[in-house]
Amino acid sequence: MIDLDAVFDVTALVLILIGAILCLTAAIGLLRFRDVPTRLHAATKPQVLGLILICLAIALSLRSWPVVAFLVPVVLIQLATAPLSAHMVGRQAYRNGTIEERALYVDELAESKETPPAAGG
């Protein structure tokens, strides 16, 4: 008969390993990529998935509802703040001119740069 605790522990170990590798690739991507959009992509996508996998591994390893109740807000806050902060950094980089505009396929902000907002509404 298969020991269910051992299966959960091995699954948690594999999830932590995969999550750590994803977080490592995010860190390497931040160091290796040159421009802001690719760095933002490297900072948000694998890092958030890595954190989710690590939190899932912790929940599987400890098997406690209070732990799950603590980890769910952690994951939800990360899912809410990572795209928001990446958007803000990307928008500021665009305004500063540190993004190469020739490399953009679609430039939705070009119109907002040309016409200043109306004063007084």
PDB file of N, CA and C in Angstrom:
ATOM      1  N   MET A   1       0.834  -1.177   0.000  1.00  0.00           N
ATOM      2  CA  MET A   1       0.000   0.000   0.000  1.00  0.00           C
ATOM      3  C   MET A   1       0.883   1.247   0.000  1.00  0.00           C
ATOM      4  N   ILE A   2       0.449   2.262  -0.698  1.00  0.00           N
ATOM      5  CA  ILE A   2       1.215   3.495  -0.840  1.00  0.00           C
ATOM      6  C   ILE A   2       0.968   4.389   0.376  1.00  0.00           C
ATOM      7  N   ASP A   3       2.057   4.883   0.948  1.00  0.00           N
ATOM      8  CA  ASP A   3       1.962   5.801   2.075  1.00  0.00           C
ATOM      9  C   ASP A   3       1.635   7.193   1.544  1.00  0.00           C
ATOM     10  N   LEU A   4       0.452   7.704   1.892  1.00  0.00           N
ATOM     11  CA  LEU A   4      -0.006   8.987   1.374  1.00  0.00           C
ATOM     12  C   LEU A   4       0.854  10.154   1.867  1.00  0.00           C
ATOM     13  N   ASP A   5       1.352  10.065   3.087  1.00  0.00           N
ATOM     14  CA  ASP A   5       2.226  11.123   3.603  1.00  0.00           C
ATOM     15  C   ASP A   5       3.509  11.225   2.790  1.00  0.00           C
ATOM     16  N   ALA A   6       4.061  10.096   2.401  1.00  0.00           N
ATOM     17  CA  ALA A   6       5.286  10.107   1.595  1.00  0.00           C
ATOM     18  C   ALA A   6       5.030  10.702   0.214  1.00  0.00           C
ATOM     19  N   VAL A   7       3.874  10.409  -0.361  1.00  0.00           N
ATOM     20  CA  VAL A   7       3.531  10.972  -1.668  1.00  0.00           C
ATOM     21  C   VAL A   7       3.394  12.490  -1.570  1.00  0.00           C
ATOM     22  N   PHE A   8       2.726  12.971  -0.517  1.00  0.00           N
ATOM     23  CA  PHE A   8       2.595  14.418  -0.322  1.00  0.00           C
ATOM     24  C   PHE A   8       3.951  15.085  -0.112  1.00  0.00           C
ATOM     25  N   ASP A   9       4.829  14.421   0.653  1.00  0.00           N
ATOM     26  CA  ASP A   9       6.150  14.998   0.906  1.00  0.00           C
ATOM     27  C   ASP A   9       6.998  15.060  -0.362  1.00  0.00           C
ATOM     28  N   VAL A  10       6.951  14.027  -1.178  1.00  0.00           N
ATOM     29  CA  VAL A  10       7.714  14.033  -2.436  1.00  0.00           C
ATOM     30  C   VAL A  10       7.134  15.075  -3.395  1.00  0.00           C
ATOM     31  N   THR A  11       5.803  15.177  -3.440  1.00  0.00           N
ATOM     32  CA  THR A  11       5.172  16.184  -4.291  1.00  0.00           C
ATOM     33  C   THR A  11       5.556  17.586  -3.834  1.00  0.00           C
ATOM     34  N   ALA A  12       5.576  17.823  -2.539  1.00  0.00           N
ATOM     35  CA  ALA A  12       5.973  19.131  -2.004  1.00  0.00           C
ATOM     36  C   ALA A  12       7.427  19.430  -2.344  1.00  0.00           C
ATOM     37  N   LEU A  13       8.274  18.419  -2.258  1.00  0.00           N
ATOM     38  CA  LEU A  13       9.687  18.602  -2.594  1.00  0.00           C
ATOM     39  C   LEU A  13       9.862  18.984  -4.063  1.00  0.00           C
ATOM     40  N   VAL A  14       9.135  18.306  -4.931  1.00  0.00           N
ATOM     41  CA  VAL A  14       9.219  18.604  -6.367  1.00  0.00           C
ATOM     42  C   VAL A  14       8.680  20.006  -6.657  1.00  0.00           C
ATOM     43  N   LEU A  15       7.577  20.385  -6.014  1.00  0.00           N
ATOM     44  CA  LEU A  15       7.008  21.715  -6.222  1.00  0.00           C
ATOM     45  C   LEU A  15       7.951  22.813  -5.737  1.00  0.00           C
ATOM     46  N   ILE A  16       8.607  22.593  -4.607  1.00  0.00           N
ATOM     47  CA  ILE A  16       9.571  23.581  -4.110  1.00  0.00           C
ATOM     48  C   ILE A  16      10.754  23.691  -5.059  1.00  0.00           C
ATOM     49  N   LEU A  17      11.217  22.571  -5.573  1.00  0.00           N
ATOM     50  CA  LEU A  17      12.340  22.597  -6.512  1.00  0.00           C
ATOM     51  C   LEU A  17      11.973  23.348  -7.790  1.00  0.00           C
ATOM     52  N   ILE A  18      10.812  23.057  -8.350  1.00  0.00           N
ATOM     53  CA  ILE A  18      10.377  23.750  -9.571  1.00  0.00           C
ATOM     54  C   ILE A  18      10.158  25.238  -9.297  1.00  0.00           C
ATOM     55  N   GLY A  19       9.540  25.570  -8.161  1.00  0.00           N
ATOM     56  CA  GLY A  19       9.325  26.972  -7.803  1.00  0.00           C
ATOM     57  C   GLY A  19      10.632  27.721  -7.603  1.00  0.00           C
ATOM     58  N   ALA A  20      11.605  27.071  -6.981  1.00  0.00           N
ATOM     59  CA  ALA A  20      12.905  27.713  -6.784  1.00  0.00           C
ATOM     60  C   ALA A  20      13.623  27.923  -8.113  1.00  0.00           C
ATOM     61  N   ILE A  21      13.506  26.967  -9.019  1.00  0.00           N
ATOM     62  CA  ILE A  21      14.126  27.124 -10.344  1.00  0.00           C
ATOM     63  C   ILE A  21      13.466  28.275 -11.097  1.00  0.00           C
ATOM     64  N   LEU A  22      12.145  28.391 -11.004  1.00  0.00           N
ATOM     65  CA  LEU A  22      11.461  29.507 -11.667  1.00  0.00           C
ATOM     66  C   LEU A  22      11.880  30.847 -11.073  1.00  0.00           C
ATOM     67  N   CYS A  23      12.003  30.936  -9.765  1.00  0.00           N
ATOM     68  CA  CYS A  23      12.448  32.182  -9.139  1.00  0.00           C
ATOM     69  C   CYS A  23      13.897  32.499  -9.525  1.00  0.00           C
ATOM     70  N   LEU A  24      14.723  31.479  -9.655  1.00  0.00           N
ATOM     71  CA  LEU A  24      16.104  31.683 -10.095  1.00  0.00           C
ATOM     72  C   LEU A  24      16.157  32.184 -11.531  1.00  0.00           C
ATOM     73  N   THR A  25      15.324  31.623 -12.398  1.00  0.00           N
ATOM     74  CA  THR A  25      15.304  32.103 -13.784  1.00  0.00           C
ATOM     75  C   THR A  25      14.813  33.547 -13.863  1.00  0.00           C
ATOM     76  N   ALA A  26      13.900  33.937 -12.975  1.00  0.00           N
ATOM     77  CA  ALA A  26      13.459  35.330 -12.932  1.00  0.00           C
ATOM     78  C   ALA A  26      14.619  36.239 -12.546  1.00  0.00           C
ATOM     79  N   ALA A  27      15.400  35.836 -11.575  1.00  0.00           N
ATOM     80  CA  ALA A  27      16.546  36.644 -11.151  1.00  0.00           C
ATOM     81  C   ALA A  27      17.600  36.721 -12.248  1.00  0.00           C
ATOM     82  N   ILE A  28      17.863  35.613 -12.914  1.00  0.00           N
ATOM     83  CA  ILE A  28      18.830  35.612 -14.014  1.00  0.00           C
ATOM     84  C   ILE A  28      18.329  36.481 -15.162  1.00  0.00           C
ATOM     85  N   GLY A  29      17.042  36.421 -15.441  1.00  0.00           N
ATOM     86  CA  GLY A  29      16.468  37.252 -16.498  1.00  0.00           C
ATOM     87  C   GLY A  29      16.604  38.733 -16.204  1.00  0.00           C
ATOM     88  N   LEU A  30      16.459  39.117 -14.938  1.00  0.00           N
ATOM     89  CA  LEU A  30      16.647  40.522 -14.576  1.00  0.00           C
ATOM     90  C   LEU A  30      18.080  40.979 -14.824  1.00  0.00           C
ATOM     91  N   LEU A  31      19.012  40.091 -14.611  1.00  0.00           N
ATOM     92  CA  LEU A  31      20.413  40.454 -14.818  1.00  0.00           C
ATOM     93  C   LEU A  31      20.819  40.412 -16.281  1.00  0.00           C
ATOM     94  N   ARG A  32      20.274  39.487 -17.046  1.00  0.00           N
ATOM     95  CA  ARG A  32      20.739  39.258 -18.413  1.00  0.00           C
ATOM     96  C   ARG A  32      20.058  40.128 -19.470  1.00  0.00           C
ATOM     97  N   PHE A  33      18.770  40.404 -19.289  1.00  0.00           N
ATOM     98  CA  PHE A  33      18.059  41.169 -20.309  1.00  0.00           C
ATOM     99  C   PHE A  33      18.447  42.639 -20.239  1.00  0.00           C
ATOM    100  N   ARG A  34      18.377  43.300 -21.391  1.00  0.00           N
ATOM    101  CA  ARG A  34      18.867  44.661 -21.484  1.00  0.00           C
ATOM    102  C   ARG A  34      17.792  45.724 -21.390  1.00  0.00           C
ATOM    103  N   ASP A  35      16.610  45.475 -21.915  1.00  0.00           N
ATOM    104  CA  ASP A  35      15.614  46.538 -21.950  1.00  0.00           C
ATOM    105  C   ASP A  35      14.510  46.291 -20.924  1.00  0.00           C
ATOM    106  N   VAL A  36      13.753  47.334 -20.666  1.00  0.00           N
ATOM    107  CA  VAL A  36      12.749  47.312 -19.603  1.00  0.00           C
ATOM    108  C   VAL A  36      11.633  46.289 -19.854  1.00  0.00           C
ATOM    109  N   PRO A  37      11.042  46.213 -21.055  1.00  0.00           N
ATOM    110  CA  PRO A  37       9.940  45.249 -21.224  1.00  0.00           C
ATOM    111  C   PRO A  37      10.352  43.797 -20.990  1.00  0.00           C
ATOM    112  N   THR A  38      11.519  43.403 -21.454  1.00  0.00           N
ATOM    113  CA  THR A  38      11.923  42.012 -21.232  1.00  0.00           C
ATOM    114  C   THR A  38      12.284  41.764 -19.778  1.00  0.00           C
ATOM    115  N   ARG A  39      12.846  42.763 -19.109  1.00  0.00           N
ATOM    116  CA  ARG A  39      13.121  42.609 -17.682  1.00  0.00           C
ATOM    117  C   ARG A  39      11.829  42.501 -16.883  1.00  0.00           C
ATOM    118  N   LEU A  40      10.824  43.277 -17.265  1.00  0.00           N
ATOM    119  CA  LEU A  40       9.538  43.195 -16.572  1.00  0.00           C
ATOM    120  C   LEU A  40       8.903  41.829 -16.763  1.00  0.00           C
ATOM    121  N   HIS A  41       9.006  41.318 -17.979  1.00  0.00           N
ATOM    122  CA  HIS A  41       8.460  39.984 -18.246  1.00  0.00           C
ATOM    123  C   HIS A  41       9.171  38.943 -17.395  1.00  0.00           C
ATOM    124  N   ALA A  42      10.493  39.050 -17.310  1.00  0.00           N
ATOM    125  CA  ALA A  42      11.260  38.095 -16.505  1.00  0.00           C
ATOM    126  C   ALA A  42      10.967  38.249 -15.022  1.00  0.00           C
ATOM    127  N   ALA A  43      10.666  39.448 -14.583  1.00  0.00           N
ATOM    128  CA  ALA A  43      10.432  39.669 -13.158  1.00  0.00           C
ATOM    129  C   ALA A  43       9.052  39.226 -12.710  1.00  0.00           C
ATOM    130  N   THR A  44       8.080  39.228 -13.609  1.00  0.00           N
ATOM    131  CA  THR A  44       6.720  38.939 -13.166  1.00  0.00           C
ATOM    132  C   THR A  44       6.281  37.507 -13.446  1.00  0.00           C
ATOM    133  N   LYS A  45       6.448  37.030 -14.645  1.00  0.00           N
ATOM    134  CA  LYS A  45       5.867  35.727 -15.016  1.00  0.00           C
ATOM    135  C   LYS A  45       6.456  34.561 -14.221  1.00  0.00           C
ATOM    136  N   PRO A  46       7.744  34.264 -14.329  1.00  0.00           N
ATOM    137  CA  PRO A  46       8.234  33.078 -13.614  1.00  0.00           C
ATOM    138  C   PRO A  46       8.274  33.264 -12.101  1.00  0.00           C
ATOM    139  N   GLN A  47       8.443  34.486 -11.640  1.00  0.00           N
ATOM    140  CA  GLN A  47       8.528  34.712 -10.208  1.00  0.00           C
ATOM    141  C   GLN A  47       7.192  34.445  -9.537  1.00  0.00           C
ATOM    142  N   VAL A  48       6.101  34.905 -10.134  1.00  0.00           N
ATOM    143  CA  VAL A  48       4.776  34.686  -9.549  1.00  0.00           C
ATOM    144  C   VAL A  48       4.416  33.203  -9.581  1.00  0.00           C
ATOM    145  N   LEU A  49       4.686  32.544 -10.698  1.00  0.00           N
ATOM    146  CA  LEU A  49       4.406  31.111 -10.770  1.00  0.00           C
ATOM    147  C   LEU A  49       5.266  30.336  -9.773  1.00  0.00           C
ATOM    148  N   GLY A  50       6.523  30.727  -9.625  1.00  0.00           N
ATOM    149  CA  GLY A  50       7.396  30.073  -8.651  1.00  0.00           C
ATOM    150  C   GLY A  50       6.879  30.241  -7.236  1.00  0.00           C
ATOM    151  N   LEU A  51       6.412  31.441  -6.903  1.00  0.00           N
ATOM    152  CA  LEU A  51       5.866  31.668  -5.564  1.00  0.00           C
ATOM    153  C   LEU A  51       4.611  30.840  -5.328  1.00  0.00           C
ATOM    154  N   ILE A  52       3.757  30.741  -6.337  1.00  0.00           N
ATOM    155  CA  ILE A  52       2.538  29.943  -6.199  1.00  0.00           C
ATOM    156  C   ILE A  52       2.893  28.477  -5.964  1.00  0.00           C
ATOM    157  N   LEU A  53       3.859  27.962  -6.711  1.00  0.00           N
ATOM    158  CA  LEU A  53       4.259  26.570  -6.522  1.00  0.00           C
ATOM    159  C   LEU A  53       4.868  26.339  -5.142  1.00  0.00           C
ATOM    160  N   ILE A  54       5.661  27.278  -4.659  1.00  0.00           N
ATOM    161  CA  ILE A  54       6.260  27.136  -3.326  1.00  0.00           C
ATOM    162  C   ILE A  54       5.181  27.196  -2.247  1.00  0.00           C
ATOM    163  N   CYS A  55       4.219  28.092  -2.388  1.00  0.00           N
ATOM    164  CA  CYS A  55       3.117  28.160  -1.416  1.00  0.00           C
ATOM    165  C   CYS A  55       2.273  26.886  -1.434  1.00  0.00           C
ATOM    166  N   LEU A  56       2.047  26.350  -2.618  1.00  0.00           N
ATOM    167  CA  LEU A  56       1.323  25.078  -2.718  1.00  0.00           C
ATOM    168  C   LEU A  56       2.108  23.947  -2.048  1.00  0.00           C
ATOM    169  N   ALA A  57       3.410  23.957  -2.213  1.00  0.00           N
ATOM    170  CA  ALA A  57       4.251  22.944  -1.571  1.00  0.00           C
ATOM    171  C   ALA A  57       4.217  23.075  -0.053  1.00  0.00           C
ATOM    172  N   ILE A  58       4.222  24.299   0.444  1.00  0.00           N
ATOM    173  CA  ILE A  58       4.139  24.507   1.890  1.00  0.00           C
ATOM    174  C   ILE A  58       2.805  23.999   2.420  1.00  0.00           C
ATOM    175  N   ALA A  59       1.731  24.281   1.699  1.00  0.00           N
ATOM    176  CA  ALA A  59       0.414  23.808   2.135  1.00  0.00           C
ATOM    177  C   ALA A  59       0.354  22.283   2.129  1.00  0.00           C
ATOM    178  N   LEU A  60       0.944  21.664   1.100  1.00  0.00           N
ATOM    179  CA  LEU A  60       0.957  20.190   1.059  1.00  0.00           C
ATOM    180  C   LEU A  60       1.828  19.598   2.152  1.00  0.00           C
ATOM    181  N   SER A  61       2.922  20.246   2.440  1.00  0.00           N
ATOM    182  CA  SER A  61       3.850  19.719   3.425  1.00  0.00           C
ATOM    183  C   SER A  61       3.308  19.820   4.850  1.00  0.00           C
ATOM    184  N   LEU A  62       2.700  20.956   5.185  1.00  0.00           N
ATOM    185  CA  LEU A  62       2.233  21.160   6.557  1.00  0.00           C
ATOM    186  C   LEU A  62       0.826  20.630   6.800  1.00  0.00           C
ATOM    187  N   ARG A  63       0.013  20.542   5.741  1.00  0.00           N
ATOM    188  CA  ARG A  63      -1.343  19.985   5.812  1.00  0.00           C
ATOM    189  C   ARG A  63      -2.157  20.559   6.968  1.00  0.00           C
ATOM    190  N   SER A  64      -2.246  21.879   6.989  1.00  0.00           N
ATOM    191  CA  SER A  64      -2.960  22.554   8.068  1.00  0.00           C
ATOM    192  C   SER A  64      -3.816  23.671   7.464  1.00  0.00           C
ATOM    193  N   TRP A  65      -5.065  23.755   7.889  1.00  0.00           N
ATOM    194  CA  TRP A  65      -5.946  24.790   7.363  1.00  0.00           C
ATOM    195  C   TRP A  65      -5.513  26.196   7.746  1.00  0.00           C
ATOM    196  N   PRO A  66      -4.988  26.428   8.954  1.00  0.00           N
ATOM    197  CA  PRO A  66      -4.489  27.784   9.237  1.00  0.00           C
ATOM    198  C   PRO A  66      -3.342  28.205   8.310  1.00  0.00           C
ATOM    199  N   VAL A  67      -2.516  27.269   7.923  1.00  0.00           N
ATOM    200  CA  VAL A  67      -1.431  27.578   6.989  1.00  0.00           C
ATOM    201  C   VAL A  67      -2.010  27.942   5.620  1.00  0.00           C
ATOM    202  N   VAL A  68      -2.990  27.183   5.168  1.00  0.00           N
ATOM    203  CA  VAL A  68      -3.633  27.481   3.884  1.00  0.00           C
ATOM    204  C   VAL A  68      -4.322  28.842   3.956  1.00  0.00           C
ATOM    205  N   ALA A  69      -4.972  29.134   5.092  1.00  0.00           N
ATOM    206  CA  ALA A  69      -5.634  30.421   5.258  1.00  0.00           C
ATOM    207  C   ALA A  69      -4.630  31.576   5.239  1.00  0.00           C
ATOM    208  N   PHE A  70      -3.393  31.318   5.651  1.00  0.00           N
ATOM    209  CA  PHE A  70      -2.355  32.340   5.598  1.00  0.00           C
ATOM    210  C   PHE A  70      -1.781  32.474   4.187  1.00  0.00           C
ATOM    211  N   LEU A  71      -1.635  31.364   3.475  1.00  0.00           N
ATOM    212  CA  LEU A  71      -0.992  31.380   2.159  1.00  0.00           C
ATOM    213  C   LEU A  71      -1.905  31.927   1.057  1.00  0.00           C
ATOM    214  N   VAL A  72      -3.205  31.748   1.190  1.00  0.00           N
ATOM    215  CA  VAL A  72      -4.119  32.230   0.144  1.00  0.00           C
ATOM    216  C   VAL A  72      -4.026  33.750  -0.022  1.00  0.00           C
ATOM    217  N   PRO A  73      -4.067  34.555   1.051  1.00  0.00           N
ATOM    218  CA  PRO A  73      -3.891  35.993   0.843  1.00  0.00           C
ATOM    219  C   PRO A  73      -2.514  36.366   0.294  1.00  0.00           C
ATOM    220  N   VAL A  74      -1.484  35.619   0.680  1.00  0.00           N
ATOM    221  CA  VAL A  74      -0.139  35.884   0.150  1.00  0.00           C
ATOM    222  C   VAL A  74      -0.136  35.747  -1.368  1.00  0.00           C
ATOM    223  N   VAL A  75      -0.727  34.664  -1.858  1.00  0.00           N
ATOM    224  CA  VAL A  75      -0.775  34.427  -3.308  1.00  0.00           C
ATOM    225  C   VAL A  75      -1.655  35.468  -3.991  1.00  0.00           C
ATOM    226  N   LEU A  76      -2.805  35.780  -3.403  1.00  0.00           N
ATOM    227  CA  LEU A  76      -3.705  36.760  -4.017  1.00  0.00           C
ATOM    228  C   LEU A  76      -3.080  38.152  -4.078  1.00  0.00           C
ATOM    229  N   ILE A  77      -2.378  38.538  -3.022  1.00  0.00           N
ATOM    230  CA  ILE A  77      -1.714  39.845  -3.033  1.00  0.00           C
ATOM    231  C   ILE A  77      -0.608  39.862  -4.085  1.00  0.00           C
ATOM    232  N   GLN A  78       0.120  38.781  -4.202  1.00  0.00           N
ATOM    233  CA  GLN A  78       1.175  38.707  -5.221  1.00  0.00           C
ATOM    234  C   GLN A  78       0.572  38.772  -6.630  1.00  0.00           C
ATOM    235  N   LEU A  79      -0.524  38.073  -6.840  1.00  0.00           N
ATOM    236  CA  LEU A  79      -1.184  38.107  -8.156  1.00  0.00           C
ATOM    237  C   LEU A  79      -1.727  39.496  -8.473  1.00  0.00           C
ATOM    238  N   ALA A  80      -2.100  40.254  -7.455  1.00  0.00           N
ATOM    239  CA  ALA A  80      -2.632  41.592  -7.686  1.00  0.00           C
ATOM    240  C   ALA A  80      -1.532  42.634  -7.858  1.00  0.00           C
ATOM    241  N   THR A  81      -0.439  42.506  -7.116  1.00  0.00           N
ATOM    242  CA  THR A  81       0.567  43.565  -7.127  1.00  0.00           C
ATOM    243  C   THR A  81       1.635  43.399  -8.197  1.00  0.00           C
ATOM    244  N   ALA A  82       1.963  42.196  -8.602  1.00  0.00           N
ATOM    245  CA  ALA A  82       3.027  42.004  -9.603  1.00  0.00           C
ATOM    246  C   ALA A  82       2.671  42.633 -10.947  1.00  0.00           C
ATOM    247  N   PRO A  83       1.490  42.377 -11.515  1.00  0.00           N
ATOM    248  CA  PRO A  83       1.174  43.035 -12.784  1.00  0.00           C
ATOM    249  C   PRO A  83       1.018  44.546 -12.643  1.00  0.00           C
ATOM    250  N   LEU A  84       0.482  44.996 -11.520  1.00  0.00           N
ATOM    251  CA  LEU A  84       0.295  46.418 -11.310  1.00  0.00           C
ATOM    252  C   LEU A  84       1.632  47.147 -11.231  1.00  0.00           C
ATOM    253  N   SER A  85       2.564  46.607 -10.459  1.00  0.00           N
ATOM    254  CA  SER A  85       3.872  47.257 -10.352  1.00  0.00           C
ATOM    255  C   SER A  85       4.632  47.187 -11.673  1.00  0.00           C
ATOM    256  N   ALA A  86       4.509  46.082 -12.398  1.00  0.00           N
ATOM    257  CA  ALA A  86       5.166  45.986 -13.705  1.00  0.00           C
ATOM    258  C   ALA A  86       4.593  47.010 -14.671  1.00  0.00           C
ATOM    259  N   HIS A  87       3.279  47.212 -14.629  1.00  0.00           N
ATOM    260  CA  HIS A  87       2.656  48.218 -15.492  1.00  0.00           C
ATOM    261  C   HIS A  87       3.161  49.612 -15.143  1.00  0.00           C
ATOM    262  N   MET A  88       3.262  49.904 -13.872  1.00  0.00           N
ATOM    263  CA  MET A  88       3.720  51.224 -13.456  1.00  0.00           C
ATOM    264  C   MET A  88       5.176  51.464 -13.852  1.00  0.00           C
ATOM    265  N   VAL A  89       6.018  50.469 -13.686  1.00  0.00           N
ATOM    266  CA  VAL A  89       7.428  50.605 -14.071  1.00  0.00           C
ATOM    267  C   VAL A  89       7.550  50.755 -15.584  1.00  0.00           C
ATOM    268  N   GLY A  90       6.793  49.967 -16.336  1.00  0.00           N
ATOM    269  CA  GLY A  90       6.830  50.059 -17.795  1.00  0.00           C
ATOM    270  C   GLY A  90       6.325  51.406 -18.291  1.00  0.00           C
ATOM    271  N   ARG A  91       5.283  51.903 -17.678  1.00  0.00           N
ATOM    272  CA  ARG A  91       4.738  53.212 -18.082  1.00  0.00           C
ATOM    273  C   ARG A  91       5.731  54.330 -17.793  1.00  0.00           C
ATOM    274  N   GLN A  92       6.380  54.259 -16.641  1.00  0.00           N
ATOM    275  CA  GLN A  92       7.367  55.282 -16.304  1.00  0.00           C
ATOM    276  C   GLN A  92       8.590  55.193 -17.214  1.00  0.00           C
ATOM    277  N   ALA A  93       8.991  53.991 -17.567  1.00  0.00           N
ATOM    278  CA  ALA A  93      10.113  53.835 -18.494  1.00  0.00           C
ATOM    279  C   ALA A  93       9.749  54.403 -19.862  1.00  0.00           C
ATOM    280  N   TYR A  94       8.510  54.237 -20.268  1.00  0.00           N
ATOM    281  CA  TYR A  94       8.064  54.817 -21.538  1.00  0.00           C
ATOM    282  C   TYR A  94       8.101  56.342 -21.473  1.00  0.00           C
ATOM    283  N   ARG A  95       7.629  56.899 -20.373  1.00  0.00           N
ATOM    284  CA  ARG A  95       7.635  58.360 -20.221  1.00  0.00           C
ATOM    285  C   ARG A  95       9.053  58.924 -20.156  1.00  0.00           C
ATOM    286  N   ASN A  96       9.968  58.176 -19.530  1.00  0.00           N
ATOM    287  CA  ASN A  96      11.356  58.627 -19.432  1.00  0.00           C
ATOM    288  C   ASN A  96      12.108  58.495 -20.746  1.00  0.00           C
ATOM    289  N   GLY A  97      11.577  57.711 -21.657  1.00  0.00           N
ATOM    290  CA  GLY A  97      12.255  57.493 -22.928  1.00  0.00           C
ATOM    291  C   GLY A  97      13.293  56.393 -22.886  1.00  0.00           C
ATOM    292  N   THR A  98      13.252  55.537 -21.868  1.00  0.00           N
ATOM    293  CA  THR A  98      14.222  54.448 -21.787  1.00  0.00           C
ATOM    294  C   THR A  98      13.778  53.210 -22.553  1.00  0.00           C
ATOM    295  N   ILE A  99      12.563  53.219 -23.084  1.00  0.00           N
ATOM    296  CA  ILE A  99      12.091  52.124 -23.935  1.00  0.00           C
ATOM    297  C   ILE A  99      12.326  52.526 -25.379  1.00  0.00           C
ATOM    298  N   GLU A 100      12.907  51.627 -26.130  1.00  0.00           N
ATOM    299  CA  GLU A 100      13.140  51.895 -27.547  1.00  0.00           C
ATOM    300  C   GLU A 100      11.817  51.798 -28.292  1.00  0.00           C
ATOM    301  N   GLU A 101      11.293  52.923 -28.719  1.00  0.00           N
ATOM    302  CA  GLU A 101       9.961  52.967 -29.319  1.00  0.00           C
ATOM    303  C   GLU A 101       9.917  52.294 -30.686  1.00  0.00           C
ATOM    304  N   ARG A 102      11.052  52.192 -31.381  1.00  0.00           N
ATOM    305  CA  ARG A 102      11.064  51.517 -32.680  1.00  0.00           C
ATOM    306  C   ARG A 102      10.830  50.017 -32.530  1.00  0.00           C
ATOM    307  N   ALA A 103      11.131  49.462 -31.354  1.00  0.00           N
ATOM    308  CA  ALA A 103      10.965  48.037 -31.130  1.00  0.00           C
ATOM    309  C   ALA A 103       9.533  47.651 -30.760  1.00  0.00           C
ATOM    310  N   LEU A 104       8.681  48.641 -30.497  1.00  0.00           N
ATOM    311  CA  LEU A 104       7.302  48.349 -30.113  1.00  0.00           C
ATOM    312  C   LEU A 104       6.477  48.001 -31.345  1.00  0.00           C
ATOM    313  N   TYR A 105       5.702  46.947 -31.256  1.00  0.00           N
ATOM    314  CA  TYR A 105       4.817  46.578 -32.355  1.00  0.00           C
ATOM    315  C   TYR A 105       3.628  47.526 -32.432  1.00  0.00           C
ATOM    316  N   VAL A 106       3.020  47.801 -31.287  1.00  0.00           N
ATOM    317  CA  VAL A 106       1.889  48.711 -31.199  1.00  0.00           C
ATOM    318  C   VAL A 106       2.228  49.732 -30.115  1.00  0.00           C
ATOM    319  N   ASP A 107       2.082  50.981 -30.436  1.00  0.00           N
ATOM    320  CA  ASP A 107       2.363  52.047 -29.477  1.00  0.00           C
ATOM    321  C   ASP A 107       1.058  52.766 -29.153  1.00  0.00           C
ATOM    322  N   GLU A 108       0.355  52.274 -28.147  1.00  0.00           N
ATOM    323  CA  GLU A 108      -0.932  52.849 -27.771  1.00  0.00           C
ATOM    324  C   GLU A 108      -0.791  54.169 -27.030  1.00  0.00           C
ATOM    325  N   LEU A 109       0.387  54.465 -26.542  1.00  0.00           N
ATOM    326  CA  LEU A 109       0.590  55.688 -25.782  1.00  0.00           C
ATOM    327  C   LEU A 109       1.117  56.834 -26.632  1.00  0.00           C
ATOM    328  N   ALA A 110       1.329  56.611 -27.922  1.00  0.00           N
ATOM    329  CA  ALA A 110       1.886  57.654 -28.780  1.00  0.00           C
ATOM    330  C   ALA A 110       0.953  58.861 -28.854  1.00  0.00           C
ATOM    331  N   GLU A 111      -0.346  58.621 -28.906  1.00  0.00           N
ATOM    332  CA  GLU A 111      -1.304  59.737 -28.968  1.00  0.00           C
ATOM    333  C   GLU A 111      -1.301  60.551 -27.690  1.00  0.00           C
ATOM    334  N   SER A 112      -1.150  59.905 -26.550  1.00  0.00           N
ATOM    335  CA  SER A 112      -1.167  60.627 -25.284  1.00  0.00           C
ATOM    336  C   SER A 112       0.105  61.457 -25.099  1.00  0.00           C
ATOM    337  N   LYS A 113       1.193  61.092 -25.772  1.00  0.00           N
ATOM    338  CA  LYS A 113       2.414  61.880 -25.691  1.00  0.00           C
ATOM    339  C   LYS A 113       2.294  63.155 -26.528  1.00  0.00           C
ATOM    340  N   GLU A 114       1.576  63.068 -27.631  1.00  0.00           N
ATOM    341  CA  GLU A 114       1.494  64.204 -28.548  1.00  0.00           C
ATOM    342  C   GLU A 114       0.545  65.285 -28.039  1.00  0.00           C
ATOM    343  N   THR A 115      -0.583  64.882 -27.464  1.00  0.00           N
ATOM    344  CA  THR A 115      -1.557  65.875 -27.007  1.00  0.00           C
ATOM    345  C   THR A 115      -1.589  65.897 -25.494  1.00  0.00           C
ATOM    346  N   PRO A 116      -1.292  67.050 -24.884  1.00  0.00           N
ATOM    347  CA  PRO A 116      -1.351  67.134 -23.424  1.00  0.00           C
ATOM    348  C   PRO A 116      -2.804  67.064 -22.952  1.00  0.00           C
ATOM    349  N   PRO A 117      -3.045  66.608 -21.740  1.00  0.00           N
ATOM    350  CA  PRO A 117      -4.418  66.536 -21.235  1.00  0.00           C
ATOM    351  C   PRO A 117      -5.017  67.925 -21.088  1.00  0.00           C
ATOM    352  N   ALA A 118      -6.330  67.999 -21.279  1.00  0.00           N
ATOM    353  CA  ALA A 118      -7.041  69.271 -21.197  1.00  0.00           C
ATOM    354  C   ALA A 118      -7.067  69.750 -19.749  1.00  0.00           C
ATOM    355  N   ALA A 119      -6.817  71.030 -19.549  1.00  0.00           N
ATOM    356  CA  ALA A 119      -6.792  71.596 -18.214  1.00  0.00           C
ATOM    357  C   ALA A 119      -8.205  72.005 -17.795  1.00  0.00           C
ATOM    358  N   GLY A 120      -8.525  71.731 -16.558  1.00  0.00           N
ATOM    359  CA  GLY A 120      -9.775  72.224 -15.985  1.00  0.00           C
ATOM    360  C   GLY A 120     -10.988  71.375 -16.253  1.00  0.00           C
ATOM    361  N   GLY A 121     -10.925  70.347 -17.130  1.00  0.00           N
ATOM    362  CA  GLY A 121     -11.997  69.398 -17.372  1.00  0.00           C
ATOM    363  C   GLY A 121     -13.236  70.009 -17.776  1.00  0.00           C
TER     364      GLY A 121
END
